[in-house]
Protein backbone atom coordinates (compact mmCIF):
# COMPACT_ATOMS: atom_id res chain seq x y z
CA MET A 1 -17.59 -6.06 2.69
CA SER A 2 -14.36 -6.94 1.05
CA ILE A 3 -12.94 -5.68 -2.27
CA THR A 4 -14.18 -7.28 -5.42
CA THR A 5 -11.87 -8.59 -8.17
CA LYS A 6 -13.24 -5.77 -10.39
CA GLN A 7 -12.47 -3.15 -7.82
CA ALA A 8 -9.02 -4.65 -7.15
CA ALA A 9 -8.18 -4.51 -10.93
CA ARG A 10 -9.47 -1.02 -11.11
CA ALA A 11 -7.23 0.15 -8.28
CA ILE A 12 -4.26 -1.52 -9.90
CA GLU A 13 -5.19 0.18 -13.33
CA LEU A 14 -5.49 3.56 -11.78
CA ALA A 15 -2.26 3.29 -9.82
CA ALA A 16 -0.27 1.96 -12.81
CA ALA A 17 -1.65 4.74 -14.95
CA LYS A 18 -0.25 7.31 -12.51
CA ALA A 19 3.12 5.53 -12.23
CA GLN A 20 3.35 5.41 -15.99
CA GLU A 21 2.39 9.15 -16.18
CA ILE A 22 5.24 10.16 -13.82
CA LYS A 23 7.59 7.37 -15.38
CA VAL A 24 8.17 5.33 -12.10
CA PRO A 25 7.90 1.58 -12.36
CA VAL A 26 6.50 0.17 -9.21
CA ASN A 27 5.13 -2.90 -7.63
CA ILE A 28 1.40 -2.53 -6.66
CA VAL A 29 -0.39 -4.76 -4.23
CA VAL A 30 -3.97 -4.98 -3.24
CA LEU A 31 -5.12 -7.00 -0.09
CA ASP A 32 -8.66 -7.73 0.92
CA THR A 33 -9.91 -6.71 4.35
CA GLY A 34 -8.42 -9.96 5.78
CA GLY A 35 -4.93 -9.10 4.53
CA HIS A 36 -5.01 -11.73 1.87
CA LEU A 37 -3.59 -10.89 -1.64
CA LYS A 38 -6.35 -9.91 -4.14
CA HIS A 39 -4.26 -8.50 -6.95
CA PHE A 40 -0.63 -7.76 -7.80
CA VAL A 41 1.27 -6.15 -10.49
CA ARG A 42 5.11 -5.69 -11.04
CA MET A 43 5.48 -3.16 -13.73
CA ASP A 44 8.20 -3.63 -16.29
CA GLY A 45 11.32 -2.37 -14.82
CA ALA A 46 10.19 -2.36 -11.09
CA LEU A 47 12.76 -3.49 -8.62
CA LEU A 48 12.40 -6.90 -7.19
CA GLY A 49 13.36 -5.76 -3.69
CA SER A 50 10.28 -3.59 -3.70
CA ILE A 51 7.80 -6.45 -3.94
CA ASP A 52 8.09 -7.22 -0.32
CA ILE A 53 8.02 -3.57 0.61
CA ALA A 54 4.66 -2.96 -1.18
CA MET A 55 3.21 -6.03 0.48
CA GLN A 56 4.37 -4.89 3.91
CA LYS A 57 2.92 -1.33 3.29
CA ALA A 58 -0.44 -2.68 2.44
CA LYS A 59 -0.28 -5.22 5.46
CA THR A 60 0.82 -2.34 7.81
CA SER A 61 -2.12 -0.30 6.64
CA MET A 62 -4.52 -3.37 6.94
CA LEU A 63 -3.37 -4.20 10.47
CA PHE A 64 -3.87 -0.77 11.87
CA ARG A 65 -6.66 0.43 9.50
CA MET A 66 -4.82 3.61 8.60
CA ASN A 67 -2.14 4.98 6.13
CA SER A 68 1.30 3.26 6.61
CA GLU A 69 2.72 6.75 7.24
CA SER A 70 0.32 7.24 10.05
CA VAL A 71 1.52 4.04 11.70
CA GLY A 72 5.12 5.36 11.12
CA GLU A 73 4.29 8.01 13.80
CA PHE A 74 4.23 5.23 16.37
CA LEU A 75 7.38 3.79 15.17
CA ARG A 76 9.68 6.77 15.69
CA PRO A 77 12.35 6.26 18.32
CA GLU A 78 10.76 9.02 20.54
CA ALA A 79 7.32 7.41 20.44
CA ALA A 80 5.96 5.33 23.27
CA ALA A 81 5.58 2.32 21.02
CA TYR A 82 9.25 2.21 19.75
CA GLY A 83 10.03 -1.28 18.62
CA LEU A 84 6.59 -1.82 17.13
CA GLU A 85 8.06 -2.20 13.61
CA ASN A 86 9.43 -5.56 14.75
CA THR A 87 5.99 -7.08 15.39
CA ASN A 88 3.70 -8.90 12.81
CA ASN A 89 6.82 -9.89 10.80
CA GLY A 90 7.62 -6.38 10.28
CA LEU A 91 5.77 -3.13 9.72
CA VAL A 92 6.63 -0.39 7.26
CA GLY A 93 6.03 3.06 8.43
CA PHE A 94 6.41 5.23 5.53
CA ALA A 95 3.99 6.30 2.76
CA GLY A 96 2.67 4.00 0.12
CA GLY A 97 0.14 1.85 1.99
CA ARG A 98 -3.46 2.96 2.29
CA PRO A 99 -6.93 1.75 2.97
CA ILE A 100 -9.25 1.64 -0.02
CA PHE A 101 -12.81 2.88 0.71
CA SER A 102 -16.07 2.31 -1.19
CA ASN A 103 -19.24 3.93 0.23
CA ASP A 104 -17.30 5.11 3.27
CA GLU A 105 -16.26 1.58 4.20
CA ILE A 106 -12.68 0.09 4.03
CA VAL A 107 -12.95 -2.67 1.35
CA GLY A 108 -9.24 -3.47 0.85
CA TYR A 109 -5.64 -2.05 1.18
CA ILE A 110 -3.15 -0.87 -1.49
CA GLY A 111 0.59 -0.87 -1.19
CA VAL A 112 3.04 0.58 -3.70
CA SER A 113 6.85 0.46 -3.80
CA GLY A 114 9.45 1.23 -6.12
CA GLY A 115 9.82 4.97 -6.43
CA ALA A 116 10.74 7.66 -3.89
CA VAL A 117 8.46 7.75 -0.96
CA PRO A 118 6.46 10.78 -2.23
CA GLN A 119 6.06 9.02 -5.59
CA ASP A 120 4.72 5.92 -4.01
CA LEU A 121 2.30 7.90 -2.08
CA LEU A 122 1.07 9.76 -5.19
CA ILE A 123 0.56 6.44 -7.03
CA ALA A 124 -1.19 4.71 -4.07
CA VAL A 125 -3.60 7.67 -3.59
CA GLU A 126 -4.57 7.38 -7.23
CA GLY A 127 -5.21 3.65 -6.83
CA CYS A 128 -7.71 4.35 -4.05
CA ARG A 129 -10.04 6.41 -6.32
CA ILE A 130 -12.12 3.37 -7.32
């Protein structure tokens, strides 16, 4: 099952509300399970350079079916998979990309960028509460 338009819009709505609450304008991306763009919002004042980072966080999460920061553990220089970040047109190994679950099944992926990494994580987590 893949994320519905209604679920994707809800994920964006929840994430954007958290971003507004903490006063951090961000870019928010929702991908379906195939990695295709389902929904996107660039909040007023969000940095243009963060659009691609949000996309890559969601894509990294999709490719490995885990949080982007968990993938980051494999990208560290001392990890056996060092250099992995250069595959798949680039991976992002820090927080802000997460699977979105519905009924214990992954239905999509969210990527958030524009704040500090802990802020992006907080916003992404909220967006997963569909």
